[in-house]
Amino acid sequence: MNTVGVHRPDGSYVVERRGADSSGNRKVFDSFDALERLCQRLPTEFTADDLSASGLTAGRRHMVLWHLAEHPAFDVSLASRQPLTAEKTATEVVEP
């Protein structure tokens, strides 16, 4: 596992690189539902660059992609490491 997710008492959800200790290695979402909505808006196959539209930059895009592929709540699997690409395995794509 490359990432870990933390539900905070205030309802926010944090995606972090496992073992990282700087804020550059985490992304705070307003809630877990916000991360789910982000995932639903992504195409069936997506790269880290596709996460740029959501405001994610640099390494956070890769970290969130890894988290979506690793977390059991998301039907997403890693399709390729170069370029880093994930694929939805059983979810509907919701058009924005």
PDB file of N, CA and C in Angstrom:
ATOM      1  N   MET A   1       0.840  -1.183   0.000  1.00  0.00           N
ATOM      2  CA  MET A   1       0.000   0.000   0.000  1.00  0.00           C
ATOM      3  C   MET A   1       0.884   1.245   0.000  1.00  0.00           C
ATOM      4  N   ASN A   2       0.555   2.156  -0.903  1.00  0.00           N
ATOM      5  CA  ASN A   2       1.295   3.409  -1.024  1.00  0.00           C
ATOM      6  C   ASN A   2       0.647   4.548  -0.258  1.00  0.00           C
ATOM      7  N   THR A   3      -0.664   4.413   0.025  1.00  0.00           N
ATOM      8  CA  THR A   3      -1.401   5.509   0.640  1.00  0.00           C
ATOM      9  C   THR A   3      -2.214   5.013   1.830  1.00  0.00           C
ATOM     10  N   VAL A   4      -2.677   5.981   2.597  1.00  0.00           N
ATOM     11  CA  VAL A   4      -3.569   5.695   3.722  1.00  0.00           C
ATOM     12  C   VAL A   4      -4.629   6.793   3.743  1.00  0.00           C
ATOM     13  N   GLY A   5      -5.838   6.435   4.127  1.00  0.00           N
ATOM     14  CA  GLY A   5      -6.919   7.405   4.268  1.00  0.00           C
ATOM     15  C   GLY A   5      -7.311   7.533   5.720  1.00  0.00           C
ATOM     16  N   VAL A   6      -7.564   8.770   6.150  1.00  0.00           N
ATOM     17  CA  VAL A   6      -7.912   9.038   7.540  1.00  0.00           C
ATOM     18  C   VAL A   6      -9.208   9.840   7.587  1.00  0.00           C
ATOM     19  N   HIS A   7     -10.205   9.292   8.306  1.00  0.00           N
ATOM     20  CA  HIS A   7     -11.445  10.027   8.559  1.00  0.00           C
ATOM     21  C   HIS A   7     -11.205  10.878   9.804  1.00  0.00           C
ATOM     22  N   ARG A   8     -11.333  12.185   9.670  1.00  0.00           N
ATOM     23  CA  ARG A   8     -11.139  13.090  10.806  1.00  0.00           C
ATOM     24  C   ARG A   8     -12.461  13.325  11.530  1.00  0.00           C
ATOM     25  N   PRO A   9     -12.394  13.677  12.818  1.00  0.00           N
ATOM     26  CA  PRO A   9     -13.620  13.927  13.586  1.00  0.00           C
ATOM     27  C   PRO A   9     -14.496  15.038  12.995  1.00  0.00           C
ATOM     28  N   ASP A  10     -13.906  15.989  12.271  1.00  0.00           N
ATOM     29  CA  ASP A  10     -14.684  17.080  11.678  1.00  0.00           C
ATOM     30  C   ASP A  10     -15.397  16.663  10.391  1.00  0.00           C
ATOM     31  N   GLY A  11     -15.259  15.380   9.994  1.00  0.00           N
ATOM     32  CA  GLY A  11     -15.915  14.875   8.803  1.00  0.00           C
ATOM     33  C   GLY A  11     -15.053  14.893   7.559  1.00  0.00           C
ATOM     34  N   SER A  12     -13.903  15.552   7.625  1.00  0.00           N
ATOM     35  CA  SER A  12     -13.027  15.572   6.456  1.00  0.00           C
ATOM     36  C   SER A  12     -12.327  14.225   6.299  1.00  0.00           C
ATOM     37  N   TYR A  13     -11.784  14.020   5.112  1.00  0.00           N
ATOM     38  CA  TYR A  13     -11.085  12.778   4.797  1.00  0.00           C
ATOM     39  C   TYR A  13      -9.740  13.145   4.203  1.00  0.00           C
ATOM     40  N   VAL A  14      -8.682  12.560   4.742  1.00  0.00           N
ATOM     41  CA  VAL A  14      -7.331  12.888   4.321  1.00  0.00           C
ATOM     42  C   VAL A  14      -6.697  11.693   3.627  1.00  0.00           C
ATOM     43  N   VAL A  15      -6.145  11.929   2.443  1.00  0.00           N
ATOM     44  CA  VAL A  15      -5.377  10.924   1.718  1.00  0.00           C
ATOM     45  C   VAL A  15      -3.909  11.305   1.894  1.00  0.00           C
ATOM     46  N   GLU A  16      -3.096  10.357   2.378  1.00  0.00           N
ATOM     47  CA  GLU A  16      -1.679  10.620   2.626  1.00  0.00           C
ATOM     48  C   GLU A  16      -0.818   9.518   2.042  1.00  0.00           C
ATOM     49  N   ARG A  17       0.390   9.893   1.678  1.00  0.00           N
ATOM     50  CA  ARG A  17       1.380   8.874   1.342  1.00  0.00           C
ATOM     51  C   ARG A  17       1.729   8.157   2.632  1.00  0.00           C
ATOM     52  N   ARG A  18       1.790   6.853   2.568  1.00  0.00           N
ATOM     53  CA  ARG A  18       2.126   6.065   3.746  1.00  0.00           C
ATOM     54  C   ARG A  18       3.518   6.463   4.242  1.00  0.00           C
ATOM     55  N   GLY A  19       3.618   6.791   5.508  1.00  0.00           N
ATOM     56  CA  GLY A  19       4.897   7.122   6.125  1.00  0.00           C
ATOM     57  C   GLY A  19       5.382   8.541   5.883  1.00  0.00           C
ATOM     58  N   ALA A  20       4.626   9.358   5.170  1.00  0.00           N
ATOM     59  CA  ALA A  20       5.053  10.736   4.890  1.00  0.00           C
ATOM     60  C   ALA A  20       4.705  11.636   6.066  1.00  0.00           C
ATOM     61  N   ASP A  21       5.485  12.700   6.230  1.00  0.00           N
ATOM     62  CA  ASP A  21       5.221  13.586   7.356  1.00  0.00           C
ATOM     63  C   ASP A  21       5.090  15.054   6.960  1.00  0.00           C
ATOM     64  N   SER A  22       5.028  15.378   5.674  1.00  0.00           N
ATOM     65  CA  SER A  22       4.866  16.771   5.274  1.00  0.00           C
ATOM     66  C   SER A  22       3.506  16.967   4.608  1.00  0.00           C
ATOM     67  N   SER A  23       3.018  18.204   4.656  1.00  0.00           N
ATOM     68  CA  SER A  23       1.703  18.500   4.077  1.00  0.00           C
ATOM     69  C   SER A  23       1.698  18.333   2.564  1.00  0.00           C
ATOM     70  N   GLY A  24       2.852  18.354   1.919  1.00  0.00           N
ATOM     71  CA  GLY A  24       2.927  18.139   0.484  1.00  0.00           C
ATOM     72  C   GLY A  24       2.599  16.717   0.087  1.00  0.00           C
ATOM     73  N   ASN A  25       2.503  15.836   1.068  1.00  0.00           N
ATOM     74  CA  ASN A  25       2.207  14.431   0.808  1.00  0.00           C
ATOM     75  C   ASN A  25       0.834  14.039   1.297  1.00  0.00           C
ATOM     76  N   ARG A  26      -0.071  15.011   1.349  1.00  0.00           N
ATOM     77  CA  ARG A  26      -1.450  14.703   1.748  1.00  0.00           C
ATOM     78  C   ARG A  26      -2.414  15.635   1.039  1.00  0.00           C
ATOM     79  N   LYS A  27      -3.636  15.152   0.901  1.00  0.00           N
ATOM     80  CA  LYS A  27      -4.718  15.950   0.331  1.00  0.00           C
ATOM     81  C   LYS A  27      -5.921  15.790   1.239  1.00  0.00           C
ATOM     82  N   VAL A  28      -6.477  16.926   1.679  1.00  0.00           N
ATOM     83  CA  VAL A  28      -7.644  16.915   2.552  1.00  0.00           C
ATOM     84  C   VAL A  28      -8.891  17.175   1.705  1.00  0.00           C
ATOM     85  N   PHE A  29      -9.833  16.259   1.785  1.00  0.00           N
ATOM     86  CA  PHE A  29     -11.131  16.418   1.133  1.00  0.00           C
ATOM     87  C   PHE A  29     -12.144  16.818   2.195  1.00  0.00           C
ATOM     88  N   ASP A  30     -13.174  17.551   1.806  1.00  0.00           N
ATOM     89  CA  ASP A  30     -14.195  17.970   2.772  1.00  0.00           C
ATOM     90  C   ASP A  30     -14.843  16.775   3.459  1.00  0.00           C
ATOM     91  N   SER A  31     -14.942  15.664   2.713  1.00  0.00           N
ATOM     92  CA  SER A  31     -15.552  14.447   3.243  1.00  0.00           C
ATOM     93  C   SER A  31     -15.141  13.278   2.350  1.00  0.00           C
ATOM     94  N   PHE A  32     -15.404  12.072   2.816  1.00  0.00           N
ATOM     95  CA  PHE A  32     -15.161  10.904   1.972  1.00  0.00           C
ATOM     96  C   PHE A  32     -16.071  10.965   0.747  1.00  0.00           C
ATOM     97  N   ASP A  33     -17.292  11.482   0.936  1.00  0.00           N
ATOM     98  CA  ASP A  33     -18.223  11.628  -0.186  1.00  0.00           C
ATOM     99  C   ASP A  33     -17.642  12.514  -1.279  1.00  0.00           C
ATOM    100  N   ALA A  34     -16.886  13.536  -0.905  1.00  0.00           N
ATOM    101  CA  ALA A  34     -16.265  14.414  -1.903  1.00  0.00           C
ATOM    102  C   ALA A  34     -15.274  13.632  -2.763  1.00  0.00           C
ATOM    103  N   LEU A  35     -14.524  12.727  -2.151  1.00  0.00           N
ATOM    104  CA  LEU A  35     -13.604  11.886  -2.916  1.00  0.00           C
ATOM    105  C   LEU A  35     -14.390  10.926  -3.809  1.00  0.00           C
ATOM    106  N   GLU A  36     -15.492  10.385  -3.308  1.00  0.00           N
ATOM    107  CA  GLU A  36     -16.335   9.512  -4.132  1.00  0.00           C
ATOM    108  C   GLU A  36     -16.888  10.251  -5.344  1.00  0.00           C
ATOM    109  N   ARG A  37     -17.336  11.493  -5.140  1.00  0.00           N
ATOM    110  CA  ARG A  37     -17.858  12.283  -6.259  1.00  0.00           C
ATOM    111  C   ARG A  37     -16.764  12.560  -7.286  1.00  0.00           C
ATOM    112  N   LEU A  38     -15.568  12.846  -6.818  1.00  0.00           N
ATOM    113  CA  LEU A  38     -14.441  13.054  -7.724  1.00  0.00           C
ATOM    114  C   LEU A  38     -14.221  11.805  -8.572  1.00  0.00           C
ATOM    115  N   CYS A  39     -14.212  10.660  -7.935  1.00  0.00           N
ATOM    116  CA  CYS A  39     -14.002   9.401  -8.650  1.00  0.00           C
ATOM    117  C   CYS A  39     -15.104   9.166  -9.684  1.00  0.00           C
ATOM    118  N   GLN A  40     -16.339   9.465  -9.330  1.00  0.00           N
ATOM    119  CA  GLN A  40     -17.459   9.266 -10.251  1.00  0.00           C
ATOM    120  C   GLN A  40     -17.336  10.138 -11.498  1.00  0.00           C
ATOM    121  N   ARG A  41     -16.748  11.317 -11.359  1.00  0.00           N
ATOM    122  CA  ARG A  41     -16.621  12.235 -12.499  1.00  0.00           C
ATOM    123  C   ARG A  41     -15.484  11.861 -13.447  1.00  0.00           C
ATOM    124  N   LEU A  42     -14.607  10.980 -13.026  1.00  0.00           N
ATOM    125  CA  LEU A  42     -13.477  10.590 -13.864  1.00  0.00           C
ATOM    126  C   LEU A  42     -13.924   9.631 -14.963  1.00  0.00           C
ATOM    127  N   PRO A  43     -13.229   9.652 -16.095  1.00  0.00           N
ATOM    128  CA  PRO A  43     -13.570   8.693 -17.162  1.00  0.00           C
ATOM    129  C   PRO A  43     -13.258   7.263 -16.730  1.00  0.00           C
ATOM    130  N   THR A  44     -13.693   6.302 -17.515  1.00  0.00           N
ATOM    131  CA  THR A  44     -13.485   4.897 -17.189  1.00  0.00           C
ATOM    132  C   THR A  44     -12.009   4.569 -17.032  1.00  0.00           C
ATOM    133  N   GLU A  45     -11.177   5.115 -17.902  1.00  0.00           N
ATOM    134  CA  GLU A  45      -9.726   4.980 -17.758  1.00  0.00           C
ATOM    135  C   GLU A  45      -9.169   6.381 -17.588  1.00  0.00           C
ATOM    136  N   PHE A  46      -8.337   6.582 -16.580  1.00  0.00           N
ATOM    137  CA  PHE A  46      -7.836   7.928 -16.312  1.00  0.00           C
ATOM    138  C   PHE A  46      -6.393   7.895 -15.849  1.00  0.00           C
ATOM    139  N   THR A  47      -5.718   8.996 -16.119  1.00  0.00           N
ATOM    140  CA  THR A  47      -4.325   9.161 -15.692  1.00  0.00           C
ATOM    141  C   THR A  47      -4.276  10.200 -14.585  1.00  0.00           C
ATOM    142  N   ALA A  48      -3.116  10.359 -14.009  1.00  0.00           N
ATOM    143  CA  ALA A  48      -2.944  11.375 -12.981  1.00  0.00           C
ATOM    144  C   ALA A  48      -3.255  12.758 -13.546  1.00  0.00           C
ATOM    145  N   ASP A  49      -2.945  12.997 -14.812  1.00  0.00           N
ATOM    146  CA  ASP A  49      -3.236  14.296 -15.421  1.00  0.00           C
ATOM    147  C   ASP A  49      -4.731  14.594 -15.435  1.00  0.00           C
ATOM    148  N   ASP A  50      -5.560  13.574 -15.530  1.00  0.00           N
ATOM    149  CA  ASP A  50      -7.009  13.783 -15.509  1.00  0.00           C
ATOM    150  C   ASP A  50      -7.479  14.354 -14.173  1.00  0.00           C
ATOM    151  N   LEU A  51      -6.698  14.172 -13.134  1.00  0.00           N
ATOM    152  CA  LEU A  51      -7.056  14.702 -11.823  1.00  0.00           C
ATOM    153  C   LEU A  51      -6.719  16.190 -11.697  1.00  0.00           C
ATOM    154  N   SER A  52      -6.006  16.745 -12.663  1.00  0.00           N
ATOM    155  CA  SER A  52      -5.662  18.169 -12.646  1.00  0.00           C
ATOM    156  C   SER A  52      -6.908  19.047 -12.670  1.00  0.00           C
ATOM    157  N   ALA A  53      -7.935  18.617 -13.385  1.00  0.00           N
ATOM    158  CA  ALA A  53      -9.165  19.400 -13.492  1.00  0.00           C
ATOM    159  C   ALA A  53      -9.830  19.603 -12.133  1.00  0.00           C
ATOM    160  N   SER A  54      -9.536  18.737 -11.182  1.00  0.00           N
ATOM    161  CA  SER A  54     -10.125  18.855  -9.847  1.00  0.00           C
ATOM    162  C   SER A  54      -9.304  19.762  -8.939  1.00  0.00           C
ATOM    163  N   GLY A  55      -8.230  20.331  -9.476  1.00  0.00           N
ATOM    164  CA  GLY A  55      -7.399  21.230  -8.688  1.00  0.00           C
ATOM    165  C   GLY A  55      -6.194  20.567  -8.050  1.00  0.00           C
ATOM    166  N   LEU A  56      -6.034  19.280  -8.258  1.00  0.00           N
ATOM    167  CA  LEU A  56      -4.870  18.584  -7.708  1.00  0.00           C
ATOM    168  C   LEU A  56      -3.644  18.903  -8.559  1.00  0.00           C
ATOM    169  N   THR A  57      -2.520  19.068  -7.901  1.00  0.00           N
ATOM    170  CA  THR A  57      -1.289  19.390  -8.610  1.00  0.00           C
ATOM    171  C   THR A  57      -0.197  18.398  -8.259  1.00  0.00           C
ATOM    172  N   ALA A  58       0.800  18.360  -9.101  1.00  0.00           N
ATOM    173  CA  ALA A  58       2.046  17.609  -8.878  1.00  0.00           C
ATOM    174  C   ALA A  58       1.802  16.205  -8.335  1.00  0.00           C
ATOM    175  N   GLY A  59       2.542  15.853  -7.288  1.00  0.00           N
ATOM    176  CA  GLY A  59       2.499  14.513  -6.739  1.00  0.00           C
ATOM    177  C   GLY A  59       1.183  14.137  -6.099  1.00  0.00           C
ATOM    178  N   ARG A  60       0.374  15.118  -5.732  1.00  0.00           N
ATOM    179  CA  ARG A  60      -0.929  14.801  -5.128  1.00  0.00           C
ATOM    180  C   ARG A  60      -1.835  14.066  -6.115  1.00  0.00           C
ATOM    181  N   ARG A  61      -1.716  14.391  -7.400  1.00  0.00           N
ATOM    182  CA  ARG A  61      -2.525  13.689  -8.406  1.00  0.00           C
ATOM    183  C   ARG A  61      -2.189  12.199  -8.388  1.00  0.00           C
ATOM    184  N   HIS A  62      -0.896  11.884  -8.353  1.00  0.00           N
ATOM    185  CA  HIS A  62      -0.458  10.491  -8.336  1.00  0.00           C
ATOM    186  C   HIS A  62      -0.898   9.793  -7.054  1.00  0.00           C
ATOM    187  N   MET A  63      -0.765  10.509  -5.943  1.00  0.00           N
ATOM    188  CA  MET A  63      -1.142   9.944  -4.652  1.00  0.00           C
ATOM    189  C   MET A  63      -2.634   9.605  -4.624  1.00  0.00           C
ATOM    190  N   VAL A  64      -3.478  10.503  -5.105  1.00  0.00           N
ATOM    191  CA  VAL A  64      -4.919  10.258  -5.092  1.00  0.00           C
ATOM    192  C   VAL A  64      -5.271   9.125  -6.054  1.00  0.00           C
ATOM    193  N   LEU A  65      -4.627   9.075  -7.212  1.00  0.00           N
ATOM    194  CA  LEU A  65      -4.861   7.961  -8.136  1.00  0.00           C
ATOM    195  C   LEU A  65      -4.513   6.639  -7.463  1.00  0.00           C
ATOM    196  N   TRP A  66      -3.359   6.575  -6.807  1.00  0.00           N
ATOM    197  CA  TRP A  66      -2.971   5.350  -6.087  1.00  0.00           C
ATOM    198  C   TRP A  66      -4.019   5.005  -5.025  1.00  0.00           C
ATOM    199  N   HIS A  67      -4.505   6.017  -4.306  1.00  0.00           N
ATOM    200  CA  HIS A  67      -5.477   5.765  -3.238  1.00  0.00           C
ATOM    201  C   HIS A  67      -6.772   5.185  -3.811  1.00  0.00           C
ATOM    202  N   LEU A  68      -7.225   5.729  -4.928  1.00  0.00           N
ATOM    203  CA  LEU A  68      -8.443   5.206  -5.548  1.00  0.00           C
ATOM    204  C   LEU A  68      -8.250   3.749  -5.964  1.00  0.00           C
ATOM    205  N   ALA A  69      -7.061   3.417  -6.431  1.00  0.00           N
ATOM    206  CA  ALA A  69      -6.784   2.033  -6.845  1.00  0.00           C
ATOM    207  C   ALA A  69      -6.620   1.097  -5.652  1.00  0.00           C
ATOM    208  N   GLU A  70      -6.141   1.608  -4.540  1.00  0.00           N
ATOM    209  CA  GLU A  70      -5.867   0.760  -3.371  1.00  0.00           C
ATOM    210  C   GLU A  70      -7.057   0.605  -2.426  1.00  0.00           C
ATOM    211  N   HIS A  71      -7.918   1.611  -2.350  1.00  0.00           N
ATOM    212  CA  HIS A  71      -9.006   1.600  -1.367  1.00  0.00           C
ATOM    213  C   HIS A  71     -10.126   0.658  -1.824  1.00  0.00           C
ATOM    214  N   PRO A  72     -10.574  -0.232  -0.945  1.00  0.00           N
ATOM    215  CA  PRO A  72     -11.601  -1.216  -1.329  1.00  0.00           C
ATOM    216  C   PRO A  72     -12.967  -0.611  -1.648  1.00  0.00           C
ATOM    217  N   ALA A  73     -13.224   0.622  -1.263  1.00  0.00           N
ATOM    218  CA  ALA A  73     -14.519   1.235  -1.548  1.00  0.00           C
ATOM    219  C   ALA A  73     -14.659   1.654  -3.007  1.00  0.00           C
ATOM    220  N   PHE A  74     -13.545   1.700  -3.725  1.00  0.00           N
ATOM    221  CA  PHE A  74     -13.565   2.146  -5.116  1.00  0.00           C
ATOM    222  C   PHE A  74     -13.280   0.963  -6.038  1.00  0.00           C
ATOM    223  N   ASP A  75     -14.100   0.832  -7.062  1.00  0.00           N
ATOM    224  CA  ASP A  75     -13.890  -0.217  -8.067  1.00  0.00           C
ATOM    225  C   ASP A  75     -12.929   0.315  -9.121  1.00  0.00           C
ATOM    226  N   VAL A  76     -11.687   0.496  -8.695  1.00  0.00           N
ATOM    227  CA  VAL A  76     -10.642   1.057  -9.541  1.00  0.00           C
ATOM    228  C   VAL A  76      -9.413   0.178  -9.395  1.00  0.00           C
ATOM    229  N   SER A  77      -8.755  -0.090 -10.507  1.00  0.00           N
ATOM    230  CA  SER A  77      -7.512  -0.859 -10.448  1.00  0.00           C
ATOM    231  C   SER A  77      -6.436  -0.127 -11.233  1.00  0.00           C
ATOM    232  N   LEU A  78      -5.216  -0.409 -10.903  1.00  0.00           N
ATOM    233  CA  LEU A  78      -4.088   0.183 -11.605  1.00  0.00           C
ATOM    234  C   LEU A  78      -3.960  -0.507 -12.956  1.00  0.00           C
ATOM    235  N   ALA A  79      -3.958   0.271 -14.033  1.00  0.00           N
ATOM    236  CA  ALA A  79      -3.863  -0.290 -15.382  1.00  0.00           C
ATOM    237  C   ALA A  79      -2.436  -0.209 -15.912  1.00  0.00           C
ATOM    238  N   SER A  80      -1.682   0.814 -15.505  1.00  0.00           N
ATOM    239  CA  SER A  80      -0.323   1.011 -16.002  1.00  0.00           C
ATOM    240  C   SER A  80       0.447   1.905 -15.039  1.00  0.00           C
ATOM    241  N   ARG A  81       1.734   1.650 -14.933  1.00  0.00           N
ATOM    242  CA  ARG A  81       2.584   2.505 -14.095  1.00  0.00           C
ATOM    243  C   ARG A  81       3.233   3.627 -14.902  1.00  0.00           C
ATOM    244  N   GLN A  82       3.384   3.445 -16.212  1.00  0.00           N
ATOM    245  CA  GLN A  82       4.006   4.447 -17.073  1.00  0.00           C
ATOM    246  C   GLN A  82       3.188   4.630 -18.328  1.00  0.00           C
ATOM    247  N   PRO A  83       2.428   5.676 -18.492  1.00  0.00           N
ATOM    248  CA  PRO A  83       2.132   6.660 -17.461  1.00  0.00           C
ATOM    249  C   PRO A  83       1.177   6.054 -16.427  1.00  0.00           C
ATOM    250  N   LEU A  84       1.188   6.621 -15.242  1.00  0.00           N
ATOM    251  CA  LEU A  84       0.340   6.117 -14.167  1.00  0.00           C
ATOM    252  C   LEU A  84      -1.119   6.238 -14.603  1.00  0.00           C
ATOM    253  N   THR A  85      -1.764   5.086 -14.748  1.00  0.00           N
ATOM    254  CA  THR A  85      -3.123   5.030 -15.286  1.00  0.00           C
ATOM    255  C   THR A  85      -3.955   4.063 -14.462  1.00  0.00           C
ATOM    256  N   ALA A  86      -5.195   4.457 -14.183  1.00  0.00           N
ATOM    257  CA  ALA A  86      -6.127   3.596 -13.460  1.00  0.00           C
ATOM    258  C   ALA A  86      -7.343   3.358 -14.339  1.00  0.00           C
ATOM    259  N   GLU A  87      -8.086   2.302 -13.988  1.00  0.00           N
ATOM    260  CA  GLU A  87      -9.261   1.932 -14.759  1.00  0.00           C
ATOM    261  C   GLU A  87     -10.379   1.560 -13.798  1.00  0.00           C
ATOM    262  N   LYS A  88     -11.553   2.107 -14.051  1.00  0.00           N
ATOM    263  CA  LYS A  88     -12.721   1.736 -13.262  1.00  0.00           C
ATOM    264  C   LYS A  88     -13.140   0.340 -13.711  1.00  0.00           C
ATOM    265  N   THR A  89     -13.437  -0.507 -12.745  1.00  0.00           N
ATOM    266  CA  THR A  89     -13.759  -1.884 -13.082  1.00  0.00           C
ATOM    267  C   THR A  89     -15.241  -2.189 -13.042  1.00  0.00           C
ATOM    268  N   ALA A  90     -16.047  -1.397 -12.299  1.00  0.00           N
ATOM    269  CA  ALA A  90     -17.469  -1.726 -12.232  1.00  0.00           C
ATOM    270  C   ALA A  90     -18.333  -0.531 -11.869  1.00  0.00           C
ATOM    271  N   THR A  91     -17.855   0.680 -12.094  1.00  0.00           N
ATOM    272  CA  THR A  91     -18.646   1.840 -11.692  1.00  0.00           C
ATOM    273  C   THR A  91     -19.115   2.604 -12.902  1.00  0.00           C
ATOM    274  N   GLU A  92     -20.176   3.370 -12.693  1.00  0.00           N
ATOM    275  CA  GLU A  92     -20.687   4.226 -13.746  1.00  0.00           C
ATOM    276  C   GLU A  92     -19.902   5.521 -13.777  1.00  0.00           C
ATOM    277  N   VAL A  93     -19.716   6.059 -14.949  1.00  0.00           N
ATOM    278  CA  VAL A  93     -19.099   7.366 -15.100  1.00  0.00           C
ATOM    279  C   VAL A  93     -20.222   8.379 -15.115  1.00  0.00           C
ATOM    280  N   VAL A  94     -20.143   9.369 -14.230  1.00  0.00           N
ATOM    281  CA  VAL A  94     -21.148  10.416 -14.168  1.00  0.00           C
ATOM    282  C   VAL A  94     -20.590  11.615 -14.920  1.00  0.00           C
ATOM    283  N   GLU A  95     -21.299  12.024 -15.949  1.00  0.00           N
ATOM    284  CA  GLU A  95     -20.853  13.173 -16.740  1.00  0.00           C
ATOM    285  C   GLU A  95     -21.093  14.446 -15.954  1.00  0.00           C
ATOM    286  N   PRO A  96     -20.101  15.361 -15.954  1.00  0.00           N
ATOM    287  CA  PRO A  96     -20.257  16.625 -15.204  1.00  0.00           C
ATOM    288  C   PRO A  96     -21.325  17.520 -15.788  1.00  0.00           C
TER     289      PRO A  96
END
